[in-house]
Amino acid sequence: MRGISNNHKKTKISMTKTLGWLFVIGVILLIIILFIPYRVGPVEKPLGRVILEYTGIFKDKRSNVELIKSLNSSDEAEQLNAITAMAYRSSSSDNVEALMSYLKSDKATKRMKDIAVWALGELHAQEAKEFLYSLKNDESFDQYEVNKAIKKIEGKIPKPFWRKEKKGEFYVE
């Protein structure tokens, strides 16, 4: 009888140690994943920062006017940062117009144009729907991104739950 109770105590201790080690390993893996470099266009950022920017926890402090000026920059990384910052904000007619004029200009590379089309879809910008329809069958744009942006604007692809927030922060339903 005593042999059984001693064995039971050893099992409890080993289970506690196992769970503790699993927790420690999980925390270490989480830290590693959050700091892995992740390529967003021409810019490499830590994966954790990309996730926090997408969910709206990290926000770009620049005003819309400053972001629009950044679209005219010759630095592709600066353009990318401006486009993604616009995409993560609430839809404003100034940002939508700036993105559409950016797409019409010759400043943008094909990759940056595709990212700007994605941004219009993220903004769910109704005023950009006709413009995006005009980009269909235009070979200088990735048709997958154009079609996906149109579907987002038409509501066929729902907004993520964390983007449906209070007025003035992100999207208003």
N, C-alpha and C. Protein backbone atom coordinates (compact mmCIF):
# COMPACT_ATOMS: atom_id res chain seq x y z
N MET A 1 0.81 -1.19 0.00
CA MET A 1 0.00 0.00 0.00
C MET A 1 0.85 1.25 0.00
N ARG A 2 1.95 1.23 0.79
CA ARG A 2 2.81 2.40 0.87
C ARG A 2 3.47 2.67 -0.48
N GLY A 3 3.80 1.66 -1.22
CA GLY A 3 4.44 1.81 -2.53
C GLY A 3 3.56 2.59 -3.49
N ILE A 4 2.26 2.38 -3.39
CA ILE A 4 1.33 3.08 -4.28
C ILE A 4 1.28 4.57 -3.94
N SER A 5 1.21 4.93 -2.66
CA SER A 5 1.12 6.34 -2.30
C SER A 5 2.41 7.08 -2.63
N ASN A 6 3.58 6.47 -2.45
CA ASN A 6 4.84 7.11 -2.83
C ASN A 6 4.90 7.34 -4.33
N ASN A 7 4.43 6.38 -5.08
CA ASN A 7 4.41 6.51 -6.53
C ASN A 7 3.48 7.64 -6.96
N HIS A 8 2.36 7.78 -6.27
CA HIS A 8 1.39 8.84 -6.56
C HIS A 8 2.01 10.22 -6.31
N LYS A 9 2.78 10.37 -5.23
CA LYS A 9 3.45 11.65 -4.93
C LYS A 9 4.47 11.99 -6.00
N LYS A 10 5.23 11.00 -6.45
CA LYS A 10 6.22 11.23 -7.50
C LYS A 10 5.54 11.69 -8.79
N THR A 11 4.39 11.14 -9.10
CA THR A 11 3.65 11.52 -10.29
C THR A 11 3.21 12.97 -10.20
N LYS A 12 2.70 13.40 -9.03
CA LYS A 12 2.28 14.79 -8.87
C LYS A 12 3.45 15.75 -9.04
N ILE A 13 4.60 15.40 -8.48
CA ILE A 13 5.77 16.27 -8.59
C ILE A 13 6.24 16.33 -10.04
N SER A 14 6.27 15.22 -10.71
CA SER A 14 6.75 15.22 -12.09
C SER A 14 5.77 15.96 -13.01
N MET A 15 4.49 15.89 -12.73
CA MET A 15 3.51 16.64 -13.53
C MET A 15 3.70 18.14 -13.33
N THR A 16 3.94 18.56 -12.09
CA THR A 16 4.17 19.98 -11.80
C THR A 16 5.43 20.47 -12.50
N LYS A 17 6.50 19.68 -12.43
CA LYS A 17 7.74 20.06 -13.11
C LYS A 17 7.54 20.12 -14.62
N THR A 18 6.83 19.16 -15.16
CA THR A 18 6.58 19.12 -16.60
C THR A 18 5.80 20.36 -17.05
N LEU A 19 4.75 20.69 -16.32
CA LEU A 19 3.96 21.87 -16.68
C LEU A 19 4.78 23.15 -16.54
N GLY A 20 5.63 23.22 -15.53
CA GLY A 20 6.49 24.37 -15.35
C GLY A 20 7.47 24.53 -16.51
N TRP A 21 8.09 23.42 -16.90
CA TRP A 21 9.02 23.48 -18.03
C TRP A 21 8.31 23.82 -19.34
N LEU A 22 7.13 23.28 -19.54
CA LEU A 22 6.36 23.62 -20.75
C LEU A 22 6.03 25.11 -20.79
N PHE A 23 5.70 25.67 -19.64
CA PHE A 23 5.42 27.11 -19.56
C PHE A 23 6.67 27.92 -19.90
N VAL A 24 7.80 27.53 -19.34
CA VAL A 24 9.06 28.25 -19.60
C VAL A 24 9.42 28.16 -21.08
N ILE A 25 9.31 26.99 -21.66
CA ILE A 25 9.61 26.81 -23.08
C ILE A 25 8.65 27.64 -23.94
N GLY A 26 7.39 27.65 -23.56
CA GLY A 26 6.41 28.45 -24.30
C GLY A 26 6.73 29.93 -24.27
N VAL A 27 7.13 30.44 -23.11
CA VAL A 27 7.49 31.86 -23.00
C VAL A 27 8.71 32.17 -23.85
N ILE A 28 9.71 31.30 -23.81
CA ILE A 28 10.92 31.50 -24.63
C ILE A 28 10.57 31.50 -26.11
N LEU A 29 9.75 30.57 -26.55
CA LEU A 29 9.34 30.52 -27.97
C LEU A 29 8.55 31.77 -28.36
N LEU A 30 7.70 32.25 -27.49
CA LEU A 30 6.93 33.46 -27.76
C LEU A 30 7.85 34.66 -27.94
N ILE A 31 8.84 34.78 -27.07
CA ILE A 31 9.79 35.89 -27.17
C ILE A 31 10.58 35.79 -28.48
N ILE A 32 11.01 34.59 -28.83
CA ILE A 32 11.76 34.41 -30.08
C ILE A 32 10.89 34.78 -31.27
N ILE A 33 9.64 34.33 -31.29
CA ILE A 33 8.75 34.62 -32.41
C ILE A 33 8.50 36.12 -32.53
N LEU A 34 8.32 36.80 -31.41
CA LEU A 34 8.02 38.23 -31.46
C LEU A 34 9.19 39.05 -31.99
N PHE A 35 10.41 38.55 -31.85
CA PHE A 35 11.57 39.32 -32.30
C PHE A 35 12.17 38.82 -33.60
N ILE A 36 11.56 37.83 -34.23
CA ILE A 36 12.04 37.36 -35.52
C ILE A 36 11.84 38.48 -36.54
N PRO A 37 12.85 38.76 -37.35
CA PRO A 37 12.66 39.79 -38.38
C PRO A 37 11.64 39.32 -39.41
N TYR A 38 10.77 40.23 -39.81
CA TYR A 38 9.71 39.92 -40.77
C TYR A 38 9.77 40.98 -41.86
N ARG A 39 9.81 40.57 -43.11
CA ARG A 39 9.93 41.50 -44.22
C ARG A 39 8.54 41.98 -44.64
N VAL A 40 8.35 43.30 -44.56
CA VAL A 40 7.12 43.94 -45.03
C VAL A 40 7.55 44.84 -46.18
N GLY A 41 7.36 44.34 -47.41
CA GLY A 41 7.85 45.10 -48.55
C GLY A 41 9.36 45.21 -48.45
N PRO A 42 9.91 46.40 -48.62
CA PRO A 42 11.37 46.54 -48.55
C PRO A 42 11.89 46.70 -47.13
N VAL A 43 11.00 46.75 -46.16
CA VAL A 43 11.40 47.02 -44.78
C VAL A 43 11.34 45.73 -43.97
N GLU A 44 12.35 45.55 -43.11
CA GLU A 44 12.36 44.40 -42.21
C GLU A 44 12.06 44.89 -40.81
N LYS A 45 11.03 44.34 -40.18
CA LYS A 45 10.62 44.73 -38.84
C LYS A 45 10.49 43.47 -37.99
N PRO A 46 10.55 43.61 -36.67
CA PRO A 46 10.27 42.45 -35.82
C PRO A 46 8.81 42.02 -35.99
N LEU A 47 8.59 40.72 -36.05
CA LEU A 47 7.25 40.18 -36.27
C LEU A 47 6.26 40.69 -35.22
N GLY A 48 6.71 40.80 -33.98
CA GLY A 48 5.83 41.30 -32.92
C GLY A 48 5.34 42.70 -33.22
N ARG A 49 6.22 43.57 -33.74
CA ARG A 49 5.82 44.95 -34.07
C ARG A 49 4.81 44.95 -35.21
N VAL A 50 5.01 44.10 -36.21
CA VAL A 50 4.07 44.02 -37.33
C VAL A 50 2.69 43.63 -36.82
N ILE A 51 2.64 42.65 -35.93
CA ILE A 51 1.36 42.19 -35.37
C ILE A 51 0.71 43.32 -34.57
N LEU A 52 1.49 44.01 -33.75
CA LEU A 52 0.94 45.10 -32.94
C LEU A 52 0.49 46.28 -33.79
N GLU A 53 1.17 46.56 -34.90
CA GLU A 53 0.73 47.63 -35.80
C GLU A 53 -0.58 47.23 -36.47
N TYR A 54 -0.68 45.99 -36.90
CA TYR A 54 -1.88 45.54 -37.60
C TYR A 54 -3.11 45.57 -36.70
N THR A 55 -2.92 45.20 -35.45
CA THR A 55 -4.06 45.20 -34.53
C THR A 55 -4.37 46.59 -33.99
N GLY A 56 -3.51 47.56 -34.26
CA GLY A 56 -3.80 48.94 -33.86
C GLY A 56 -3.24 49.32 -32.51
N ILE A 57 -2.44 48.46 -31.91
CA ILE A 57 -1.86 48.79 -30.61
C ILE A 57 -0.73 49.80 -30.79
N PHE A 58 0.12 49.60 -31.80
CA PHE A 58 1.13 50.60 -32.17
C PHE A 58 0.53 51.44 -33.29
N LYS A 59 0.59 52.74 -33.15
CA LYS A 59 0.05 53.63 -34.17
C LYS A 59 1.11 54.62 -34.60
N ASP A 60 1.08 54.97 -35.87
CA ASP A 60 2.00 55.98 -36.40
C ASP A 60 1.54 57.34 -35.91
N LYS A 61 2.46 58.11 -35.36
CA LYS A 61 2.12 59.40 -34.74
C LYS A 61 1.98 60.53 -35.75
N ARG A 62 2.38 60.29 -37.00
CA ARG A 62 2.33 61.36 -37.99
C ARG A 62 0.89 61.70 -38.39
N SER A 63 0.68 62.95 -38.78
CA SER A 63 -0.65 63.38 -39.22
C SER A 63 -0.89 62.89 -40.65
N ASN A 64 -2.13 62.98 -41.09
CA ASN A 64 -2.46 62.57 -42.45
C ASN A 64 -1.69 63.39 -43.48
N VAL A 65 -1.51 64.68 -43.21
CA VAL A 65 -0.78 65.55 -44.14
C VAL A 65 0.67 65.07 -44.27
N GLU A 66 1.29 64.72 -43.16
CA GLU A 66 2.66 64.22 -43.20
C GLU A 66 2.76 62.89 -43.95
N LEU A 67 1.75 62.03 -43.76
CA LEU A 67 1.76 60.75 -44.47
C LEU A 67 1.60 60.96 -45.97
N ILE A 68 0.74 61.89 -46.36
CA ILE A 68 0.54 62.16 -47.78
C ILE A 68 1.83 62.72 -48.39
N LYS A 69 2.54 63.57 -47.66
CA LYS A 69 3.83 64.09 -48.14
C LYS A 69 4.84 62.95 -48.29
N SER A 70 4.77 61.97 -47.41
CA SER A 70 5.71 60.85 -47.47
C SER A 70 5.51 59.99 -48.71
N LEU A 71 4.32 60.02 -49.29
CA LEU A 71 4.09 59.27 -50.52
C LEU A 71 4.94 59.81 -51.67
N ASN A 72 5.29 61.09 -51.60
CA ASN A 72 6.09 61.71 -52.66
C ASN A 72 7.59 61.49 -52.47
N SER A 73 7.97 60.83 -51.40
CA SER A 73 9.37 60.59 -51.11
C SER A 73 9.97 59.66 -52.16
N SER A 74 11.26 59.80 -52.38
CA SER A 74 11.94 58.90 -53.32
C SER A 74 12.35 57.60 -52.63
N ASP A 75 12.27 57.56 -51.31
CA ASP A 75 12.63 56.39 -50.53
C ASP A 75 11.44 55.43 -50.47
N GLU A 76 11.65 54.23 -51.00
CA GLU A 76 10.56 53.24 -51.05
C GLU A 76 10.10 52.81 -49.65
N ALA A 77 11.03 52.73 -48.72
CA ALA A 77 10.69 52.35 -47.34
C ALA A 77 9.79 53.41 -46.71
N GLU A 78 10.06 54.68 -46.97
CA GLU A 78 9.23 55.77 -46.44
C GLU A 78 7.82 55.71 -47.05
N GLN A 79 7.74 55.42 -48.34
CA GLN A 79 6.44 55.26 -49.00
C GLN A 79 5.67 54.10 -48.37
N LEU A 80 6.36 52.98 -48.15
CA LEU A 80 5.71 51.81 -47.55
C LEU A 80 5.17 52.13 -46.17
N ASN A 81 5.97 52.79 -45.35
CA ASN A 81 5.51 53.14 -44.01
C ASN A 81 4.31 54.07 -44.05
N ALA A 82 4.29 55.00 -44.98
CA ALA A 82 3.15 55.92 -45.10
C ALA A 82 1.90 55.16 -45.55
N ILE A 83 2.05 54.28 -46.52
CA ILE A 83 0.88 53.53 -47.03
C ILE A 83 0.31 52.63 -45.94
N THR A 84 1.16 51.92 -45.22
CA THR A 84 0.64 51.03 -44.18
C THR A 84 0.03 51.82 -43.02
N ALA A 85 0.61 52.97 -42.70
CA ALA A 85 0.01 53.80 -41.65
C ALA A 85 -1.37 54.29 -42.07
N MET A 86 -1.52 54.65 -43.34
CA MET A 86 -2.84 55.07 -43.84
C MET A 86 -3.83 53.92 -43.79
N ALA A 87 -3.37 52.72 -44.13
CA ALA A 87 -4.25 51.56 -44.17
C ALA A 87 -4.78 51.19 -42.79
N TYR A 88 -3.99 51.47 -41.75
CA TYR A 88 -4.39 51.09 -40.41
C TYR A 88 -5.21 52.18 -39.72
N ARG A 89 -5.48 53.28 -40.41
CA ARG A 89 -6.30 54.36 -39.83
C ARG A 89 -7.73 54.27 -40.36
N SER A 90 -8.56 55.17 -39.86
CA SER A 90 -9.92 55.22 -40.38
C SER A 90 -9.88 55.84 -41.76
N SER A 91 -10.84 55.50 -42.55
CA SER A 91 -10.89 55.99 -43.93
C SER A 91 -11.19 57.48 -43.95
N SER A 92 -10.30 58.24 -44.56
CA SER A 92 -10.56 59.67 -44.77
C SER A 92 -10.44 59.94 -46.26
N SER A 93 -11.22 60.88 -46.75
CA SER A 93 -11.21 61.15 -48.18
C SER A 93 -9.84 61.64 -48.64
N ASP A 94 -9.12 62.36 -47.77
CA ASP A 94 -7.78 62.83 -48.13
C ASP A 94 -6.83 61.66 -48.37
N ASN A 95 -6.85 60.69 -47.47
CA ASN A 95 -5.98 59.52 -47.63
C ASN A 95 -6.35 58.71 -48.87
N VAL A 96 -7.63 58.52 -49.09
CA VAL A 96 -8.06 57.75 -50.25
C VAL A 96 -7.66 58.46 -51.53
N GLU A 97 -7.88 59.76 -51.60
CA GLU A 97 -7.49 60.52 -52.80
C GLU A 97 -5.98 60.46 -53.01
N ALA A 98 -5.22 60.58 -51.92
CA ALA A 98 -3.75 60.52 -52.02
C ALA A 98 -3.29 59.16 -52.54
N LEU A 99 -3.90 58.09 -52.04
CA LEU A 99 -3.53 56.76 -52.50
C LEU A 99 -3.90 56.55 -53.97
N MET A 100 -5.07 57.05 -54.37
CA MET A 100 -5.47 56.89 -55.77
C MET A 100 -4.56 57.71 -56.69
N SER A 101 -4.20 58.93 -56.30
CA SER A 101 -3.29 59.72 -57.14
C SER A 101 -1.89 59.10 -57.16
N TYR A 102 -1.49 58.48 -56.04
CA TYR A 102 -0.22 57.77 -55.99
C TYR A 102 -0.22 56.61 -56.99
N LEU A 103 -1.34 55.90 -57.07
CA LEU A 103 -1.45 54.79 -58.02
C LEU A 103 -1.44 55.27 -59.47
N LYS A 104 -1.96 56.44 -59.71
CA LYS A 104 -1.97 57.00 -61.07
C LYS A 104 -0.60 57.54 -61.47
N SER A 105 0.22 57.89 -60.51
CA SER A 105 1.51 58.51 -60.81
C SER A 105 2.53 57.45 -61.24
N ASP A 106 3.67 57.92 -61.68
CA ASP A 106 4.74 57.01 -62.07
C ASP A 106 5.80 56.88 -60.98
N LYS A 107 5.51 57.38 -59.79
CA LYS A 107 6.46 57.33 -58.66
C LYS A 107 6.57 55.93 -58.08
N ALA A 108 5.51 55.17 -58.19
CA ALA A 108 5.42 53.90 -57.49
C ALA A 108 5.93 52.74 -58.35
N THR A 109 6.62 51.81 -57.68
CA THR A 109 7.00 50.57 -58.34
C THR A 109 5.78 49.63 -58.34
N LYS A 110 5.89 48.54 -59.08
CA LYS A 110 4.76 47.59 -59.14
C LYS A 110 4.42 47.07 -57.75
N ARG A 111 5.45 46.75 -56.98
CA ARG A 111 5.21 46.23 -55.63
C ARG A 111 4.51 47.27 -54.75
N MET A 112 4.93 48.52 -54.84
CA MET A 112 4.31 49.57 -54.04
C MET A 112 2.88 49.84 -54.50
N LYS A 113 2.63 49.71 -55.78
CA LYS A 113 1.26 49.87 -56.28
C LYS A 113 0.35 48.80 -55.70
N ASP A 114 0.86 47.57 -55.66
CA ASP A 114 0.07 46.48 -55.08
C ASP A 114 -0.22 46.72 -53.60
N ILE A 115 0.75 47.27 -52.89
CA ILE A 115 0.55 47.57 -51.47
C ILE A 115 -0.47 48.70 -51.31
N ALA A 116 -0.44 49.69 -52.21
CA ALA A 116 -1.40 50.79 -52.14
C ALA A 116 -2.82 50.28 -52.45
N VAL A 117 -2.94 49.35 -53.38
CA VAL A 117 -4.25 48.74 -53.67
C VAL A 117 -4.74 48.00 -52.43
N TRP A 118 -3.84 47.27 -51.78
CA TRP A 118 -4.20 46.58 -50.53
C TRP A 118 -4.69 47.58 -49.50
N ALA A 119 -4.02 48.73 -49.40
CA ALA A 119 -4.40 49.76 -48.41
C ALA A 119 -5.80 50.28 -48.69
N LEU A 120 -6.14 50.48 -49.96
CA LEU A 120 -7.50 50.93 -50.29
C LEU A 120 -8.53 49.89 -49.84
N GLY A 121 -8.19 48.63 -50.00
CA GLY A 121 -9.09 47.57 -49.53
C GLY A 121 -9.21 47.56 -48.02
N GLU A 122 -8.08 47.75 -47.33
CA GLU A 122 -8.11 47.80 -45.86
C GLU A 122 -8.95 48.96 -45.35
N LEU A 123 -8.93 50.07 -46.08
CA LEU A 123 -9.71 51.24 -45.68
C LEU A 123 -11.21 51.06 -45.96
N HIS A 124 -11.56 50.07 -46.76
CA HIS A 124 -12.94 49.86 -47.18
C HIS A 124 -13.51 51.15 -47.77
N ALA A 125 -12.69 51.78 -48.61
CA ALA A 125 -13.01 53.10 -49.17
C ALA A 125 -13.99 52.98 -50.33
N GLN A 126 -15.25 53.35 -50.06
CA GLN A 126 -16.28 53.26 -51.09
C GLN A 126 -15.96 54.13 -52.30
N GLU A 127 -15.33 55.29 -52.06
CA GLU A 127 -15.03 56.20 -53.17
C GLU A 127 -13.94 55.64 -54.09
N ALA A 128 -13.25 54.59 -53.68
CA ALA A 128 -12.20 53.99 -54.51
C ALA A 128 -12.70 52.80 -55.31
N LYS A 129 -13.95 52.41 -55.12
CA LYS A 129 -14.46 51.20 -55.77
C LYS A 129 -14.41 51.31 -57.30
N GLU A 130 -14.89 52.41 -57.84
CA GLU A 130 -14.88 52.56 -59.31
C GLU A 130 -13.46 52.61 -59.84
N PHE A 131 -12.58 53.29 -59.10
CA PHE A 131 -11.18 53.36 -59.52
C PHE A 131 -10.57 51.96 -59.55
N LEU A 132 -10.87 51.15 -58.55
CA LEU A 132 -10.33 49.79 -58.53
C LEU A 132 -10.91 48.94 -59.65
N TYR A 133 -12.19 49.16 -59.98
CA TYR A 133 -12.77 48.44 -61.12
C TYR A 133 -12.05 48.81 -62.41
N SER A 134 -11.57 50.05 -62.52
CA SER A 134 -10.84 50.46 -63.72
C SER A 134 -9.46 49.80 -63.80
N LEU A 135 -8.97 49.30 -62.67
CA LEU A 135 -7.66 48.63 -62.66
C LEU A 135 -7.75 47.16 -63.04
N LYS A 136 -8.96 46.64 -63.13
CA LYS A 136 -9.11 45.24 -63.53
C LYS A 136 -8.56 45.10 -64.95
N ASN A 137 -7.87 44.01 -65.18
CA ASN A 137 -7.23 43.67 -66.46
C ASN A 137 -6.09 44.61 -66.82
N ASP A 138 -5.63 45.43 -65.89
CA ASP A 138 -4.45 46.26 -66.09
C ASP A 138 -3.26 45.45 -65.58
N GLU A 139 -2.35 45.11 -66.47
CA GLU A 139 -1.27 44.20 -66.10
C GLU A 139 -0.22 44.82 -65.19
N SER A 140 -0.27 46.12 -64.99
CA SER A 140 0.71 46.73 -64.08
C SER A 140 0.27 46.61 -62.62
N PHE A 141 -0.87 45.95 -62.37
CA PHE A 141 -1.36 45.71 -61.01
C PHE A 141 -1.61 44.23 -60.83
N ASP A 142 -1.36 43.75 -59.61
CA ASP A 142 -1.64 42.37 -59.26
C ASP A 142 -3.16 42.20 -59.17
N GLN A 143 -3.71 41.40 -60.06
CA GLN A 143 -5.16 41.27 -60.14
C GLN A 143 -5.76 40.61 -58.91
N TYR A 144 -5.00 39.76 -58.25
CA TYR A 144 -5.48 39.16 -57.00
C TYR A 144 -5.73 40.26 -55.97
N GLU A 145 -4.77 41.19 -55.82
CA GLU A 145 -4.92 42.28 -54.85
C GLU A 145 -6.06 43.21 -55.24
N VAL A 146 -6.22 43.48 -56.53
CA VAL A 146 -7.31 44.36 -56.98
C VAL A 146 -8.66 43.72 -56.65
N ASN A 147 -8.81 42.44 -56.98
CA ASN A 147 -10.07 41.76 -56.71
C ASN A 147 -10.36 41.64 -55.22
N LYS A 148 -9.31 41.39 -54.44
CA LYS A 148 -9.48 41.28 -52.99
C LYS A 148 -9.89 42.63 -52.40
N ALA A 149 -9.28 43.72 -52.88
CA ALA A 149 -9.64 45.06 -52.38
C ALA A 149 -11.09 45.38 -52.72
N ILE A 150 -11.52 45.03 -53.91
CA ILE A 150 -12.91 45.27 -54.31
C ILE A 150 -13.86 44.47 -53.42
N LYS A 151 -13.52 43.22 -53.15
CA LYS A 151 -14.36 42.40 -52.27
C LYS A 151 -14.44 42.98 -50.87
N LYS A 152 -13.34 43.53 -50.36
CA LYS A 152 -13.36 44.15 -49.04
C LYS A 152 -14.28 45.37 -49.03
N ILE A 153 -14.19 46.18 -50.07
CA ILE A 153 -15.01 47.38 -50.14
C ILE A 153 -16.48 47.02 -50.25
N GLU A 154 -16.79 45.98 -51.00
CA GLU A 154 -18.18 45.55 -51.17
C GLU A 154 -18.70 44.79 -49.95
N GLY A 155 -17.85 44.51 -49.00
CA GLY A 155 -18.27 43.82 -47.78
C GLY A 155 -18.29 42.32 -47.89
N LYS A 156 -17.75 41.77 -48.96
CA LYS A 156 -17.71 40.32 -49.11
C LYS A 156 -16.63 39.68 -48.25
N ILE A 157 -15.64 40.48 -47.88
CA ILE A 157 -14.62 40.05 -46.92
C ILE A 157 -14.81 40.94 -45.71
N PRO A 158 -15.20 40.38 -44.58
CA PRO A 158 -15.49 41.22 -43.40
C PRO A 158 -14.23 41.82 -42.80
N LYS A 159 -14.45 42.89 -42.05
CA LYS A 159 -13.37 43.54 -41.33
C LYS A 159 -13.01 42.68 -40.12
N PRO A 160 -11.72 42.65 -39.75
CA PRO A 160 -11.35 41.92 -38.53
C PRO A 160 -12.03 42.54 -37.32
N PHE A 161 -12.33 41.73 -36.32
CA PHE A 161 -13.08 42.21 -35.16
C PHE A 161 -12.37 43.35 -34.44
N TRP A 162 -11.04 43.38 -34.44
CA TRP A 162 -10.33 44.43 -33.71
C TRP A 162 -10.32 45.75 -34.47
N ARG A 163 -10.75 45.76 -35.75
CA ARG A 163 -10.77 47.00 -36.51
C ARG A 163 -12.12 47.70 -36.41
N LYS A 164 -13.11 47.06 -35.81
CA LYS A 164 -14.43 47.66 -35.63
C LYS A 164 -14.46 48.35 -34.27
N GLU A 165 -13.92 49.55 -34.22
CA GLU A 165 -13.77 50.22 -32.93
C GLU A 165 -14.52 51.54 -32.91
N LYS A 166 -14.21 52.31 -31.89
CA LYS A 166 -14.89 53.58 -31.66
C LYS A 166 -14.67 54.57 -32.79
N LYS A 167 -15.54 55.56 -32.86
CA LYS A 167 -15.40 56.60 -33.87
C LYS A 167 -14.06 57.29 -33.71
N GLY A 168 -13.45 57.62 -34.84
CA GLY A 168 -12.21 58.38 -34.82
C GLY A 168 -10.97 57.53 -34.70
N GLU A 169 -11.09 56.24 -34.32
CA GLU A 169 -9.89 55.41 -34.20
C GLU A 169 -9.67 54.57 -35.45
N PHE A 170 -10.63 53.75 -35.78
CA PHE A 170 -10.49 52.94 -36.98
C PHE A 170 -11.76 53.05 -37.81
N TYR A 171 -12.44 51.94 -37.98
CA TYR A 171 -13.62 51.92 -38.81
C TYR A 171 -14.87 52.21 -37.99
N VAL A 172 -15.84 52.80 -38.61
CA VAL A 172 -17.12 53.03 -37.97
C VAL A 172 -18.15 52.25 -38.75
N GLU A 173 -18.94 51.47 -38.06
CA GLU A 173 -19.97 50.66 -38.74
C GLU A 173 -21.30 51.35 -38.65
